[in-house]
Amino acid sequence: MELFDLQPYAGKRVCVALSGGRDSVALLHYFRQNAARFSVGLSALTCEHGLRKEASLEDLAFVECLCREWNVPLRVFRADVARLAKERKEGVEEAGRNWRYACFGQVLSDGEADLVATAHHRDDYAETVLFRLARGTSLAGLNVFPEREGIARPLLSVTRAQIDAYIRENHIPFVEDVSNADQSITRNRLRHTVLPALEGAVPGAAEHLVEFARRAAADEEYLCALARASVTAAGKEARVAADLPEPLFFRACLYAMKFCGLTRDYTSANFAEIAGLRKLQSGRRAMLPQGLLAVREGREIVFCRERPCDPGETAFRPGTFEEFPLIVEDRAREDALCADLDAFPSGCVVRTRREGDVFTPYGGGKKTLKKFLTDRKIAARIGKTLPLVAKGSEVFAVCGVEIADSVKVTSGTRHLIYLYTPLRVPDHIYGGKT
């Protein structure tokens, strides 16, 4: 009886993840029976989770005995998964899965195998899809077995019935996890009651669930690619157009959050708050976990972290001002403002915006700094952090935006100075040039 095509594994070193249950034992047996014909270098690994105590040790003893009898090299990993879950603040199932894949990665990184083969089969696939659909998953959640480098799942097209037939035909010993019969466990009820009833009502239901999940995963991959392409990310901020179609908007927001370092602890309520910003005016914000902000700015939602808005003041001079940040130097620099150094009055300082500041921009027309920034459609979040060169309430440079008319370069200028800040406002925010 053939379980799957072995040609893709020809000439490779395959390590089977072996629990002792019928699925993994059947997988190991099939590789062992055909190893010589396909030049497969075969080994196994087993992960002892420390959860079922005596039963786990009995399963481990069985696996060790089986590998000795079949002359298959075995590597054993042990852990107290319950303790790991507590330390990492994860569920026991999640902690166990993460630990197992870490063990698989260890075998691969140690050069013991080219691939680690797991025994997930078609019915596992269908059960997981049904379980996730019942819990209200998104398209992303239907990618039940995402591709992982170095991980192979040869049995994904093989049914549980086919594996059982193979076990019987070859008289293969295995151990049965008694918890698999406990129908107080949701997954077991799906396996023993719900899915068989669904198959009885709609023959082929399991296969159709699997095919649907595969198509959904392909759709999700395409939508995510479009969403990623729509995010403008630079430095420590990411921007998402507020008018994106909803399927792209939420995926783009997720990508932007991850770019800014928020990879967990967010909820559907956070996304609802972000979506609400699309109907609000510029400047409104939503607080996200881990200190991240989502701020409506013009036609975009900006994901960023709050910057200190008042680092004090420092005497204006050539040099680097890391607390603002600002670089003042006598060499040309792309995106820097150019001014006449001698035109700045003595006593100027570098600081951020304060109430009462006034500014006469290049070309004239004195106004309050607040009105200048508003006219330029510069978001308040950005405006309050931009370095200024000022004396008293008179502002002579809004670094990253514009210089005052009184310090512009003229035919009589002898000392050019360049003011550069990485906080420079992108042109598309205010629709003009610096």
Protein backbone atom coordinates (compact mmCIF):
# COMPACT_ATOMS: atom_id res chain seq x y z
CA MET A 1 0.00 0.00 0.00
CA GLU A 2 1.37 3.40 -1.00
CA LEU A 3 0.76 6.35 1.29
CA PHE A 4 2.43 9.19 -0.64
CA ASP A 5 4.96 9.95 -3.35
CA LEU A 6 8.50 9.46 -2.04
CA GLN A 7 10.28 10.96 -5.03
CA PRO A 8 10.51 14.49 -3.48
CA TYR A 9 12.51 12.97 -0.60
CA ALA A 10 14.95 10.99 -2.73
CA GLY A 11 18.55 11.50 -1.61
CA LYS A 12 17.55 13.58 1.43
CA ARG A 13 18.14 13.07 5.15
CA VAL A 14 14.70 12.90 6.75
CA CYS A 15 14.05 13.06 10.49
CA VAL A 16 10.55 11.89 11.46
CA ALA A 17 8.86 13.58 14.43
CA LEU A 18 7.77 10.48 16.30
CA SER A 19 5.24 10.48 19.15
CA GLY A 20 4.51 6.74 19.17
CA GLY A 21 0.93 7.25 17.93
CA ARG A 22 -0.37 5.49 14.85
CA ASP A 23 0.14 8.43 12.46
CA SER A 24 3.81 9.09 13.20
CA VAL A 25 4.63 5.38 13.47
CA ALA A 26 3.03 4.74 10.07
CA LEU A 27 5.05 7.64 8.62
CA LEU A 28 8.32 6.30 10.03
CA HIS A 29 7.53 2.77 8.83
CA TYR A 30 6.75 3.95 5.29
CA PHE A 31 10.01 5.90 5.06
CA ARG A 32 11.94 2.94 6.53
CA GLN A 33 10.42 0.47 4.07
CA ASN A 34 11.43 2.64 1.12
CA ALA A 35 14.61 4.29 2.42
CA ALA A 36 17.02 2.15 0.44
CA ARG A 37 15.07 2.42 -2.82
CA PHE A 38 14.99 6.23 -2.63
CA SER A 39 18.35 6.74 -0.88
CA VAL A 40 16.69 8.39 2.10
CA GLY A 41 18.83 8.90 5.20
CA LEU A 42 16.37 8.22 8.03
CA SER A 43 16.34 9.29 11.68
CA ALA A 44 13.72 10.25 14.26
CA LEU A 45 13.15 12.68 17.10
CA THR A 46 10.68 12.62 19.95
CA CYS A 47 9.53 15.38 22.29
CA GLU A 48 8.64 14.46 25.88
CA HIS A 49 6.44 17.29 27.20
CA GLY A 50 6.30 16.23 30.84
CA LEU A 51 2.51 16.66 30.90
CA ARG A 52 1.09 13.15 31.27
CA LYS A 53 3.74 11.88 33.71
CA GLU A 54 3.72 8.05 33.73
CA ALA A 55 1.90 7.82 30.38
CA SER A 56 4.45 10.15 28.76
CA LEU A 57 7.32 8.05 30.06
CA GLU A 58 5.65 4.87 28.78
CA ASP A 59 5.24 6.46 25.33
CA LEU A 60 8.90 7.49 25.38
CA ALA A 61 9.96 3.96 26.31
CA PHE A 62 7.90 2.60 23.40
CA VAL A 63 9.47 5.04 20.95
CA GLU A 64 12.98 4.21 22.12
CA CYS A 65 12.31 0.47 21.85
CA LEU A 66 10.76 0.80 18.38
CA CYS A 67 13.69 2.82 17.03
CA ARG A 68 16.16 0.25 18.41
CA GLU A 69 14.25 -2.60 16.75
CA TRP A 70 14.01 -0.72 13.45
CA ASN A 71 17.60 0.52 13.68
CA VAL A 72 16.57 4.18 13.36
CA PRO A 73 18.73 6.79 15.14
CA LEU A 74 16.61 8.68 17.69
CA ARG A 75 17.11 12.05 19.35
CA VAL A 76 15.10 12.71 22.52
CA PHE A 77 14.04 16.18 23.72
CA ARG A 78 12.54 16.76 27.17
CA ALA A 79 10.86 19.78 28.72
CA ASP A 80 8.41 20.81 31.41
CA VAL A 81 5.94 22.42 29.02
CA ALA A 82 3.55 23.49 31.79
CA ARG A 83 6.38 25.49 33.35
CA LEU A 84 7.37 26.94 29.96
CA ALA A 85 3.79 28.04 29.38
CA LYS A 86 3.70 29.84 32.71
CA GLU A 87 7.07 31.53 32.15
CA ARG A 88 6.18 32.67 28.63
CA LYS A 89 2.57 33.54 29.48
CA GLU A 90 1.30 31.18 26.79
CA GLY A 91 -1.36 28.49 26.75
CA VAL A 92 -0.02 24.98 27.33
CA GLU A 93 -0.91 23.92 23.78
CA GLU A 94 0.80 26.99 22.28
CA ALA A 95 3.87 26.55 24.47
CA GLY A 96 4.11 22.88 23.50
CA ARG A 97 3.82 23.65 19.81
CA ASN A 98 6.44 26.41 19.98
CA TRP A 99 8.79 24.14 21.90
CA ARG A 100 8.36 21.27 19.42
CA TYR A 101 9.18 23.51 16.47
CA ALA A 102 12.21 24.78 18.38
CA CYS A 103 13.31 21.14 18.72
CA PHE A 104 12.79 20.61 15.00
CA GLY A 105 14.87 23.70 14.31
CA GLN A 106 17.63 22.38 16.56
CA VAL A 107 17.87 19.14 14.57
CA LEU A 108 18.06 21.10 11.34
CA SER A 109 20.58 23.66 12.60
CA ASP A 110 22.78 20.88 14.01
CA GLY A 111 22.97 19.40 10.51
CA GLU A 112 21.38 16.10 11.49
CA ALA A 113 18.73 16.23 8.76
CA ASP A 114 17.65 18.13 5.67
CA LEU A 115 13.98 17.88 6.61
CA VAL A 116 11.86 17.16 9.67
CA ALA A 117 8.72 15.25 8.65
CA THR A 118 5.56 15.53 10.77
CA ALA A 119 2.56 13.19 10.59
CA HIS A 120 -0.24 15.74 10.15
CA HIS A 121 -2.81 14.17 7.82
CA ARG A 122 -5.88 15.18 5.81
CA ASP A 123 -8.34 14.65 8.67
CA ASP A 124 -6.18 16.75 11.03
CA TYR A 125 -6.37 19.47 8.41
CA ALA A 126 -10.17 19.26 8.06
CA GLU A 127 -10.75 19.15 11.83
CA THR A 128 -8.60 22.21 12.40
CA VAL A 129 -10.34 24.15 9.62
CA LEU A 130 -13.76 23.26 11.05
CA PHE A 131 -12.64 24.16 14.57
CA ARG A 132 -11.30 27.55 13.49
CA LEU A 133 -14.35 28.36 11.38
CA ALA A 134 -16.59 27.58 14.35
CA ARG A 135 -14.56 29.99 16.48
CA GLY A 136 -14.86 32.79 13.92
CA THR A 137 -11.43 32.80 12.32
CA SER A 138 -10.29 35.13 9.55
CA LEU A 139 -8.85 34.01 6.22
CA ALA A 140 -5.39 34.08 7.81
CA GLY A 141 -6.54 31.51 10.37
CA LEU A 142 -7.40 29.06 7.61
CA ASN A 143 -3.73 28.70 6.73
CA VAL A 144 -3.70 25.73 9.07
CA PHE A 145 -0.28 24.37 8.20
CA PRO A 146 1.80 27.31 6.92
CA GLU A 147 4.98 26.46 5.11
CA ARG A 148 8.02 26.40 7.36
CA GLU A 149 11.56 26.06 6.12
CA GLY A 150 12.84 22.53 6.67
CA ILE A 151 9.44 21.11 7.69
CA ALA A 152 7.70 18.49 5.51
CA ARG A 153 4.16 17.13 5.92
CA PRO A 154 3.97 14.13 3.58
CA LEU A 155 0.60 12.86 4.87
CA LEU A 156 -1.52 15.98 4.30
CA SER A 157 -3.35 14.27 1.43
CA VAL A 158 -3.72 10.97 3.32
CA THR A 159 -6.86 10.23 5.34
CA ARG A 160 -7.01 8.71 8.81
CA ALA A 161 -8.78 5.68 7.29
CA GLN A 162 -5.88 5.13 4.89
CA ILE A 163 -3.39 5.33 7.76
CA ASP A 164 -5.44 2.82 9.78
CA ALA A 165 -5.51 0.45 6.80
CA TYR A 166 -1.74 0.76 6.40
CA ILE A 167 -1.23 -0.01 10.11
CA ARG A 168 -3.42 -3.12 9.85
CA GLU A 169 -1.86 -4.33 6.62
CA ASN A 170 1.67 -4.11 8.03
CA HIS A 171 0.85 -5.16 11.64
CA ILE A 172 2.60 -2.07 13.00
CA PRO A 173 2.60 -1.52 16.79
CA PHE A 174 1.74 1.90 18.20
CA VAL A 175 0.59 3.54 21.43
CA GLU A 176 -2.80 5.14 21.90
CA ASP A 177 -3.10 8.40 23.81
CA VAL A 178 -6.10 7.70 26.08
CA SER A 179 -6.97 11.42 26.09
CA ASN A 180 -7.90 11.08 22.40
CA ALA A 181 -11.13 9.38 23.47
CA ASP A 182 -12.10 12.12 25.96
CA GLN A 183 -15.03 13.90 24.31
CA SER A 184 -14.99 16.67 26.88
CA ILE A 185 -12.13 17.97 24.72
CA THR A 186 -13.54 20.06 21.87
CA ARG A 187 -11.21 18.71 19.20
CA ASN A 188 -12.11 15.13 20.11
CA ARG A 189 -15.84 15.88 19.82
CA LEU A 190 -15.21 17.32 16.38
CA ARG A 191 -13.20 14.23 15.43
CA HIS A 192 -15.54 11.54 16.78
CA THR A 193 -18.96 13.19 16.46
CA VAL A 194 -19.20 16.37 14.39
CA LEU A 195 -17.02 15.56 11.37
CA PRO A 196 -18.44 12.02 10.90
CA ALA A 197 -21.98 13.47 11.07
CA LEU A 198 -21.01 16.13 8.54
CA GLU A 199 -19.53 13.49 6.24
CA GLY A 200 -22.74 11.49 6.58
CA ALA A 201 -24.84 14.46 5.58
CA VAL A 202 -22.47 15.77 2.90
CA PRO A 203 -20.12 13.09 1.55
CA GLY A 204 -16.67 14.52 0.89
CA ALA A 205 -17.14 17.34 3.41
CA ALA A 206 -13.67 16.89 4.91
CA GLU A 207 -11.98 17.10 1.52
CA HIS A 208 -14.05 20.16 0.63
CA LEU A 209 -13.04 21.87 3.89
CA VAL A 210 -9.39 21.27 3.06
CA GLU A 211 -9.74 22.59 -0.48
CA PHE A 212 -11.59 25.66 0.76
CA ALA A 213 -8.82 26.37 3.28
CA ARG A 214 -6.17 26.05 0.58
CA ARG A 215 -8.00 28.53 -1.67
CA ALA A 216 -8.54 30.86 1.27
CA ALA A 217 -4.83 30.74 2.09
CA ALA A 218 -3.99 31.70 -1.52
CA ASP A 219 -6.48 34.59 -1.36
CA GLU A 220 -5.01 35.73 1.96
CA GLU A 221 -1.49 35.70 0.54
CA TYR A 222 -2.57 37.88 -2.38
CA LEU A 223 -4.48 40.36 -0.20
CA CYS A 224 -1.56 40.62 2.23
CA ALA A 225 0.83 41.37 -0.63
CA LEU A 226 -1.45 44.22 -1.79
CA ALA A 227 -1.78 45.49 1.78
CA ARG A 228 1.98 45.48 2.41
CA ALA A 229 2.54 47.41 -0.82
CA SER A 230 0.09 50.09 0.37
CA VAL A 231 1.96 50.80 3.63
CA THR A 232 4.52 53.61 3.72
CA ALA A 233 7.06 52.67 6.38
CA ALA A 234 10.19 54.59 7.29
CA GLY A 235 12.23 55.08 10.41
CA LYS A 236 10.01 54.11 13.32
CA GLU A 237 6.67 55.05 11.75
CA ALA A 238 4.26 53.46 9.29
CA ARG A 239 1.40 55.10 7.37
CA VAL A 240 -1.79 53.56 6.01
CA ALA A 241 -4.23 55.34 3.68
CA ALA A 242 -7.50 55.79 5.56
CA ASP A 243 -9.62 55.21 2.44
CA LEU A 244 -8.27 51.77 1.59
CA PRO A 245 -10.96 49.14 1.00
CA GLU A 246 -11.69 47.39 4.27
CA PRO A 247 -10.08 44.02 3.35
CA LEU A 248 -6.83 45.85 2.58
CA PHE A 249 -7.13 48.45 5.35
CA PHE A 250 -7.09 46.00 8.25
CA ARG A 251 -4.29 43.91 6.78
CA ALA A 252 -2.25 47.06 6.12
CA CYS A 253 -2.82 48.20 9.71
CA LEU A 254 -1.64 44.83 11.00
CA TYR A 255 1.50 45.06 8.87
CA ALA A 256 2.11 48.65 10.07
CA MET A 257 1.71 47.61 13.71
CA LYS A 258 4.20 44.79 13.29
CA PHE A 259 6.65 47.14 11.55
CA CYS A 260 6.47 49.34 14.65
CA GLY A 261 7.17 46.38 16.94
CA LEU A 262 3.65 45.44 18.07
CA THR A 263 3.42 41.72 17.29
CA ARG A 264 1.07 40.49 20.02
CA ASP A 265 -1.45 41.55 22.71
CA TYR A 266 -3.64 43.49 20.25
CA THR A 267 -7.36 42.68 20.07
CA SER A 268 -10.36 43.16 17.80
CA ALA A 269 -11.27 46.15 20.00
CA ASN A 270 -7.97 47.82 19.01
CA PHE A 271 -8.79 47.36 15.33
CA ALA A 272 -12.28 48.79 15.91
CA GLU A 273 -10.68 51.91 17.43
CA ILE A 274 -8.30 52.23 14.50
CA ALA A 275 -11.19 51.86 12.04
CA GLY A 276 -13.06 54.58 13.93
CA LEU A 277 -10.26 57.04 13.16
CA ARG A 278 -11.25 56.91 9.50
CA LYS A 279 -14.36 58.95 10.32
CA LEU A 280 -12.61 61.42 12.65
CA GLN A 281 -10.68 64.62 12.02
CA SER A 282 -6.92 64.93 11.84
CA GLY A 283 -5.17 64.72 15.18
CA ARG A 284 -7.49 62.13 16.78
CA ARG A 285 -5.69 59.09 18.12
CA ALA A 286 -6.13 55.60 19.50
CA MET A 287 -3.88 54.09 22.15
CA LEU A 288 -2.64 50.60 21.30
CA PRO A 289 -0.77 48.06 23.44
CA GLN A 290 2.94 48.50 24.24
CA GLY A 291 2.81 52.30 23.92
CA LEU A 292 1.98 52.39 20.21
CA LEU A 293 -0.28 55.13 18.84
CA ALA A 294 -2.56 55.21 15.81
CA VAL A 295 -3.11 58.85 14.78
CA ARG A 296 -5.31 60.29 12.05
CA GLU A 297 -3.19 62.71 10.01
CA GLY A 298 -4.70 64.11 6.83
CA ARG A 299 -5.76 61.20 4.65
CA GLU A 300 -3.68 58.64 6.57
CA ILE A 301 -3.52 56.67 9.78
CA VAL A 302 -0.01 56.93 11.24
CA PHE A 303 1.36 54.26 13.56
CA CYS A 304 4.05 55.72 15.80
CA ARG A 305 5.27 56.18 19.35
CA GLU A 306 4.94 59.39 21.35
CA ARG A 307 8.06 61.54 21.26
CA PRO A 308 9.18 63.75 24.16
CA CYS A 309 7.84 67.17 23.15
CA ASP A 310 9.93 69.48 25.36
CA PRO A 311 13.60 68.49 25.74
CA GLY A 312 14.46 72.00 26.97
CA GLU A 313 16.70 74.36 25.04
CA THR A 314 20.33 74.48 23.93
CA ALA A 315 22.43 77.33 22.54
CA PHE A 316 22.34 77.46 18.75
CA ARG A 317 25.69 76.50 17.25
CA PRO A 318 27.17 74.22 14.58
CA GLY A 319 27.12 70.62 15.76
CA THR A 320 24.83 67.71 16.57
CA PHE A 321 21.82 68.08 18.88
CA GLU A 322 20.82 64.51 19.67
CA GLU A 323 18.02 65.43 22.06
CA PHE A 324 15.93 67.13 19.32
CA PRO A 325 17.41 65.69 16.95
CA LEU A 326 19.19 68.22 14.73
CA ILE A 327 22.46 68.54 12.84
CA VAL A 328 23.85 72.00 12.02
CA GLU A 329 26.90 71.99 9.77
CA ASP A 330 28.60 73.93 6.99
CA ARG A 331 28.40 71.23 4.32
CA ALA A 332 25.50 70.64 1.96
CA ARG A 333 23.19 67.78 2.93
CA GLU A 334 20.17 66.44 1.09
CA ASP A 335 16.84 67.53 2.63
CA ALA A 336 18.57 70.17 4.78
CA LEU A 337 17.54 73.84 5.03
CA CYS A 338 20.20 76.33 3.92
CA ALA A 339 20.51 79.67 5.75
CA ASP A 340 22.83 82.62 6.36
CA LEU A 341 24.61 81.84 9.63
CA ASP A 342 25.56 85.47 10.29
CA ALA A 343 21.92 86.57 9.97
CA PHE A 344 20.85 84.72 13.11
CA PRO A 345 20.88 87.14 16.08
CA SER A 346 23.15 86.29 19.00
CA GLY A 347 21.45 84.42 21.81
CA CYS A 348 19.46 82.05 19.60
CA VAL A 349 18.60 78.66 21.07
CA VAL A 350 17.39 75.33 19.76
CA ARG A 351 14.08 74.23 21.30
CA THR A 352 10.60 73.01 20.44
CA ARG A 353 7.38 74.96 19.99
CA ARG A 354 5.95 77.14 22.76
CA GLU A 355 2.80 79.21 23.09
CA GLY A 356 3.23 82.71 21.69
CA ASP A 357 5.85 81.77 19.07
CA VAL A 358 5.77 83.90 15.92
CA PHE A 359 7.37 83.24 12.54
CA THR A 360 8.01 85.21 9.36
CA PRO A 361 8.47 82.53 6.69
CA TYR A 362 10.64 82.81 3.60
CA GLY A 363 9.00 85.46 1.41
CA GLY A 364 7.49 87.42 4.31
CA GLY A 365 4.12 87.50 6.04
CA LYS A 366 4.55 87.34 9.82
CA LYS A 367 2.14 85.05 11.64
CA THR A 368 1.91 82.88 14.73
CA LEU A 369 3.86 79.66 14.46
CA LYS A 370 0.66 77.76 15.22
CA LYS A 371 -1.06 79.32 12.19
CA PHE A 372 1.99 78.69 9.99
CA LEU A 373 1.98 75.00 10.89
CA THR A 374 -1.77 74.78 10.43
CA ASP A 375 -1.57 76.47 7.02
CA ARG A 376 1.05 73.95 5.99
CA LYS A 377 -1.24 71.14 7.24
CA ILE A 378 1.51 69.85 9.51
CA ALA A 379 0.04 67.52 12.12
CA ALA A 380 0.22 68.79 15.70
CA ARG A 381 1.96 65.55 16.70
CA ILE A 382 4.82 66.40 14.35
CA GLY A 383 4.77 70.17 14.80
CA LYS A 384 5.31 70.03 18.54
CA THR A 385 8.46 67.91 18.15
CA LEU A 386 10.20 69.77 15.31
CA PRO A 387 13.42 71.54 16.39
CA LEU A 388 13.20 75.32 16.18
CA VAL A 389 15.90 78.00 16.15
CA ALA A 390 14.51 80.92 18.13
CA LYS A 391 15.28 83.93 20.28
CA GLY A 392 12.54 84.72 22.72
CA SER A 393 9.26 84.16 20.90
CA GLU A 394 10.75 84.94 17.46
CA VAL A 395 11.38 81.78 15.43
CA PHE A 396 14.09 81.90 12.76
CA ALA A 397 13.93 78.30 11.51
CA VAL A 398 11.40 75.50 11.68
CA CYS A 399 13.86 72.70 11.03
CA GLY A 400 12.69 70.29 8.39
CA VAL A 401 10.12 72.77 7.10
CA GLU A 402 11.29 76.36 6.42
CA ILE A 403 13.62 79.20 7.42
CA ALA A 404 12.58 82.73 8.33
CA ASP A 405 12.84 85.39 5.66
CA SER A 406 15.41 87.25 7.78
CA VAL A 407 18.01 84.44 7.58
CA LYS A 408 17.65 83.60 3.89
CA VAL A 409 20.74 83.35 1.71
CA THR A 410 21.51 86.52 -0.24
CA SER A 411 24.27 87.78 -2.50
CA GLY A 412 25.99 89.13 0.60
CA THR A 413 26.00 85.83 2.49
CA ARG A 414 29.49 84.78 3.61
CA HIS A 415 28.75 81.77 5.84
CA LEU A 416 26.27 79.16 4.71
CA ILE A 417 24.80 76.85 7.33
CA TYR A 418 22.71 73.71 6.76
CA LEU A 419 20.07 72.56 9.24
CA TYR A 420 19.04 68.91 8.98
CA THR A 421 16.55 66.88 11.03
CA PRO A 422 15.28 63.35 10.33
CA LEU A 423 11.89 64.64 11.57
CA ARG A 424 11.47 66.53 8.31
CA VAL A 425 7.80 66.60 7.35
CA PRO A 426 7.07 64.63 4.17
CA ASP A 427 5.84 66.90 1.36
CA HIS A 428 2.62 64.98 0.90
CA ILE A 429 1.42 65.97 4.40
CA TYR A 430 1.29 69.68 3.68
CA GLY A 431 1.44 69.75 -0.11
CA GLY A 432 4.44 72.07 -0.44
CA LYS A 433 8.21 72.17 -0.51
CA THR A 434 10.65 73.08 2.21
